[in-house]
Amino acid sequence: MEVAAKSYLPGVLSGILVSYVSVYSIAVCAAIAMPRWFPIALWQVVVVFGLGAFMPTLVIYLFTLLVMRPDHLASLTGFCVAVIASLCFFTGLTFAGSALAAIVLASLASTKLAELWSNRSFKADGFAAA
């Protein structure tokens, strides 16, 4: 039980932080002027939800996973529950479907990156002496 709580709590705290930050970052990214020739749907996916929701989630949740080293499944569960609950509190979940999709995709990507990072997949071994 203690291990589950230590893994669940970082996910919950980072989920609350991500939902708070993403509301403002989506608003800032939505205020960027779109060129007239650019398709609206692509602009929303790349700029508004890509920069506004995906990137803050990727940075915050990956930092949490690398620093706290929780169990990934318990932390991801706490993260998703906290994001849904806090976005419901902040926005009422009226127009949050795309933002939730971007946040959940970023949290899954962060979990995979943390798994790859923890088994030294990104560490350089150097060249063998010839």
C-alpha atoms as a PDB file:
ATOM      1  CA  MET A   1       0.000   0.000   0.000  1.00  0.00           C
ATOM      2  CA  GLU A   2       2.841   2.376   0.823  1.00  0.00           C
ATOM      3  CA  VAL A   3       4.504   1.778  -2.546  1.00  0.00           C
ATOM      4  CA  ALA A   4       1.231   2.438  -4.370  1.00  0.00           C
ATOM      5  CA  ALA A   5       0.732   5.710  -2.478  1.00  0.00           C
ATOM      6  CA  LYS A   6       4.285   6.833  -3.258  1.00  0.00           C
ATOM      7  CA  SER A   7       3.645   6.107  -6.913  1.00  0.00           C
ATOM      8  CA  TYR A   8       0.119   7.493  -7.064  1.00  0.00           C
ATOM      9  CA  LEU A   9       0.840  10.820  -5.347  1.00  0.00           C
ATOM     10  CA  PRO A  10       3.413  12.181  -7.874  1.00  0.00           C
ATOM     11  CA  GLY A  11       0.972  11.416 -10.671  1.00  0.00           C
ATOM     12  CA  VAL A  12      -1.847  13.242  -8.910  1.00  0.00           C
ATOM     13  CA  LEU A  13       0.272  16.295  -8.115  1.00  0.00           C
ATOM     14  CA  SER A  14       1.709  16.549 -11.616  1.00  0.00           C
ATOM     15  CA  GLY A  15      -1.782  16.047 -13.080  1.00  0.00           C
ATOM     16  CA  ILE A  16      -3.125  18.999 -11.106  1.00  0.00           C
ATOM     17  CA  LEU A  17      -0.142  21.117 -12.166  1.00  0.00           C
ATOM     18  CA  VAL A  18      -0.503  20.111 -15.832  1.00  0.00           C
ATOM     19  CA  SER A  19      -4.208  20.900 -15.934  1.00  0.00           C
ATOM     20  CA  TYR A  20      -3.614  24.311 -14.358  1.00  0.00           C
ATOM     21  CA  VAL A  21      -0.742  25.163 -16.715  1.00  0.00           C
ATOM     22  CA  SER A  22      -2.419  23.777 -19.816  1.00  0.00           C
ATOM     23  CA  VAL A  23      -5.489  25.989 -19.460  1.00  0.00           C
ATOM     24  CA  TYR A  24      -3.291  29.087 -19.683  1.00  0.00           C
ATOM     25  CA  SER A  25      -0.872  27.708 -22.264  1.00  0.00           C
ATOM     26  CA  ILE A  26      -3.749  26.720 -24.562  1.00  0.00           C
ATOM     27  CA  ALA A  27      -5.126  30.251 -24.217  1.00  0.00           C
ATOM     28  CA  VAL A  28      -1.754  31.771 -25.081  1.00  0.00           C
ATOM     29  CA  CYS A  29      -1.263  29.468 -28.071  1.00  0.00           C
ATOM     30  CA  ALA A  30      -4.793  30.107 -29.304  1.00  0.00           C
ATOM     31  CA  ALA A  31      -4.002  33.830 -29.372  1.00  0.00           C
ATOM     32  CA  ILE A  32      -1.213  33.309 -31.935  1.00  0.00           C
ATOM     33  CA  ALA A  33      -2.360  34.712 -35.251  1.00  0.00           C
ATOM     34  CA  MET A  34      -3.011  32.043 -37.863  1.00  0.00           C
ATOM     35  CA  PRO A  35      -1.927  32.711 -41.460  1.00  0.00           C
ATOM     36  CA  ARG A  36      -4.855  32.946 -43.862  1.00  0.00           C
ATOM     37  CA  TRP A  37      -3.616  30.084 -46.046  1.00  0.00           C
ATOM     38  CA  PHE A  38      -3.165  27.626 -43.158  1.00  0.00           C
ATOM     39  CA  PRO A  39      -5.951  25.024 -42.550  1.00  0.00           C
ATOM     40  CA  ILE A  40      -7.811  25.667 -39.295  1.00  0.00           C
ATOM     41  CA  ALA A  41      -7.917  22.024 -38.161  1.00  0.00           C
ATOM     42  CA  LEU A  42      -4.186  21.577 -38.679  1.00  0.00           C
ATOM     43  CA  TRP A  43      -3.501  24.845 -36.851  1.00  0.00           C
ATOM     44  CA  GLN A  44      -5.515  23.684 -33.857  1.00  0.00           C
ATOM     45  CA  VAL A  45      -3.775  20.318 -33.738  1.00  0.00           C
ATOM     46  CA  VAL A  46      -0.226  21.595 -34.176  1.00  0.00           C
ATOM     47  CA  VAL A  47      -0.203  24.993 -32.490  1.00  0.00           C
ATOM     48  CA  VAL A  48      -3.084  25.154 -30.042  1.00  0.00           C
ATOM     49  CA  PHE A  49      -3.109  21.621 -28.676  1.00  0.00           C
ATOM     50  CA  GLY A  50       0.415  20.624 -29.689  1.00  0.00           C
ATOM     51  CA  LEU A  51       2.174  23.577 -28.102  1.00  0.00           C
ATOM     52  CA  GLY A  52      -0.566  24.403 -25.627  1.00  0.00           C
ATOM     53  CA  ALA A  53      -1.317  21.004 -24.090  1.00  0.00           C
ATOM     54  CA  PHE A  54       1.107  18.374 -25.401  1.00  0.00           C
ATOM     55  CA  MET A  55       4.408  20.149 -24.723  1.00  0.00           C
ATOM     56  CA  PRO A  56       3.726  21.311 -21.128  1.00  0.00           C
ATOM     57  CA  THR A  57       2.434  17.835 -20.273  1.00  0.00           C
ATOM     58  CA  LEU A  58       5.455  16.168 -21.838  1.00  0.00           C
ATOM     59  CA  VAL A  59       7.892  18.361 -19.911  1.00  0.00           C
ATOM     60  CA  ILE A  60       6.139  18.341 -16.519  1.00  0.00           C
ATOM     61  CA  TYR A  61       5.182  14.666 -16.419  1.00  0.00           C
ATOM     62  CA  LEU A  62       8.503  13.438 -17.813  1.00  0.00           C
ATOM     63  CA  PHE A  63      10.330  15.507 -15.197  1.00  0.00           C
ATOM     64  CA  THR A  64       8.110  13.983 -12.502  1.00  0.00           C
ATOM     65  CA  LEU A  65       8.768  10.445 -13.726  1.00  0.00           C
ATOM     66  CA  LEU A  66      12.524  10.930 -13.966  1.00  0.00           C
ATOM     67  CA  VAL A  67      12.944  12.660 -10.614  1.00  0.00           C
ATOM     68  CA  MET A  68      10.468  10.769  -8.413  1.00  0.00           C
ATOM     69  CA  ARG A  69      10.845   7.327 -10.084  1.00  0.00           C
ATOM     70  CA  PRO A  70       7.300   6.098  -9.292  1.00  0.00           C
ATOM     71  CA  ASP A  71       5.654   2.968 -10.624  1.00  0.00           C
ATOM     72  CA  HIS A  72       4.562   4.032 -14.094  1.00  0.00           C
ATOM     73  CA  LEU A  73       1.104   2.451 -14.135  1.00  0.00           C
ATOM     74  CA  ALA A  74       0.045   3.790 -10.727  1.00  0.00           C
ATOM     75  CA  SER A  75       1.438   7.226 -11.526  1.00  0.00           C
ATOM     76  CA  LEU A  76      -0.268   7.315 -14.928  1.00  0.00           C
ATOM     77  CA  THR A  77      -3.575   6.343 -13.319  1.00  0.00           C
ATOM     78  CA  GLY A  78      -3.291   9.090 -10.719  1.00  0.00           C
ATOM     79  CA  PHE A  79      -2.223  11.565 -13.392  1.00  0.00           C
ATOM     80  CA  CYS A  80      -5.219  10.858 -15.649  1.00  0.00           C
ATOM     81  CA  VAL A  81      -7.736  10.950 -12.792  1.00  0.00           C
ATOM     82  CA  ALA A  82      -6.285  14.227 -11.489  1.00  0.00           C
ATOM     83  CA  VAL A  83      -6.256  15.837 -14.938  1.00  0.00           C
ATOM     84  CA  ILE A  84      -9.878  14.918 -15.631  1.00  0.00           C
ATOM     85  CA  ALA A  85     -11.033  16.048 -12.183  1.00  0.00           C
ATOM     86  CA  SER A  86      -9.124  19.320 -12.194  1.00  0.00           C
ATOM     87  CA  LEU A  87     -10.057  20.193 -15.793  1.00  0.00           C
ATOM     88  CA  CYS A  88     -13.657  19.544 -14.814  1.00  0.00           C
ATOM     89  CA  PHE A  89     -13.191  22.019 -11.973  1.00  0.00           C
ATOM     90  CA  PHE A  90     -11.375  24.644 -14.088  1.00  0.00           C
ATOM     91  CA  THR A  91     -13.354  24.446 -17.328  1.00  0.00           C
ATOM     92  CA  GLY A  92     -16.414  22.289 -16.708  1.00  0.00           C
ATOM     93  CA  LEU A  93     -15.179  19.870 -19.417  1.00  0.00           C
ATOM     94  CA  THR A  94     -17.384  21.625 -21.956  1.00  0.00           C
ATOM     95  CA  PHE A  95     -14.747  22.012 -24.657  1.00  0.00           C
ATOM     96  CA  ALA A  96     -11.924  19.975 -23.138  1.00  0.00           C
ATOM     97  CA  GLY A  97     -12.095  16.839 -25.309  1.00  0.00           C
ATOM     98  CA  SER A  98      -9.215  17.770 -27.599  1.00  0.00           C
ATOM     99  CA  ALA A  99      -7.149  19.070 -24.711  1.00  0.00           C
ATOM    100  CA  LEU A 100      -7.695  15.847 -22.754  1.00  0.00           C
ATOM    101  CA  ALA A 101      -6.683  13.801 -25.787  1.00  0.00           C
ATOM    102  CA  ALA A 102      -3.479  15.826 -26.184  1.00  0.00           C
ATOM    103  CA  ILE A 103      -2.690  15.564 -22.464  1.00  0.00           C
ATOM    104  CA  VAL A 104      -3.277  11.798 -22.342  1.00  0.00           C
ATOM    105  CA  LEU A 105      -1.154  11.240 -25.467  1.00  0.00           C
ATOM    106  CA  ALA A 106       1.638  13.327 -23.959  1.00  0.00           C
ATOM    107  CA  SER A 107       1.460  11.414 -20.680  1.00  0.00           C
ATOM    108  CA  LEU A 108       1.710   8.112 -22.557  1.00  0.00           C
ATOM    109  CA  ALA A 109       4.688   9.468 -24.512  1.00  0.00           C
ATOM    110  CA  SER A 110       6.303  10.650 -21.260  1.00  0.00           C
ATOM    111  CA  THR A 111       5.815   7.234 -19.707  1.00  0.00           C
ATOM    112  CA  LYS A 112       7.451   5.536 -22.672  1.00  0.00           C
ATOM    113  CA  LEU A 113      10.342   8.022 -22.685  1.00  0.00           C
ATOM    114  CA  ALA A 114      10.859   7.488 -18.956  1.00  0.00           C
ATOM    115  CA  GLU A 115      10.949   3.710 -19.468  1.00  0.00           C
ATOM    116  CA  LEU A 116      13.509   4.096 -22.234  1.00  0.00           C
ATOM    117  CA  TRP A 117      15.518   6.519 -20.128  1.00  0.00           C
ATOM    118  CA  SER A 118      15.526   4.224 -17.090  1.00  0.00           C
ATOM    119  CA  ASN A 119      16.923   1.229 -18.981  1.00  0.00           C
ATOM    120  CA  ARG A 120      19.740   3.373 -20.409  1.00  0.00           C
ATOM    121  CA  SER A 121      18.494   3.313 -24.000  1.00  0.00           C
ATOM    122  CA  PHE A 122      19.629   6.913 -24.537  1.00  0.00           C
ATOM    123  CA  LYS A 123      23.048   6.589 -22.908  1.00  0.00           C
ATOM    124  CA  ALA A 124      26.066   6.569 -25.183  1.00  0.00           C
ATOM    125  CA  ASP A 125      28.442   3.671 -24.635  1.00  0.00           C
ATOM    126  CA  GLY A 126      31.300   5.283 -26.482  1.00  0.00           C
ATOM    127  CA  PHE A 127      33.489   3.711 -29.093  1.00  0.00           C
ATOM    128  CA  ALA A 128      35.417   0.572 -28.419  1.00  0.00           C
ATOM    129  CA  ALA A 129      39.187   0.981 -28.579  1.00  0.00           C
ATOM    130  CA  ALA A 130      40.498  -0.482 -31.778  1.00  0.00           C
END
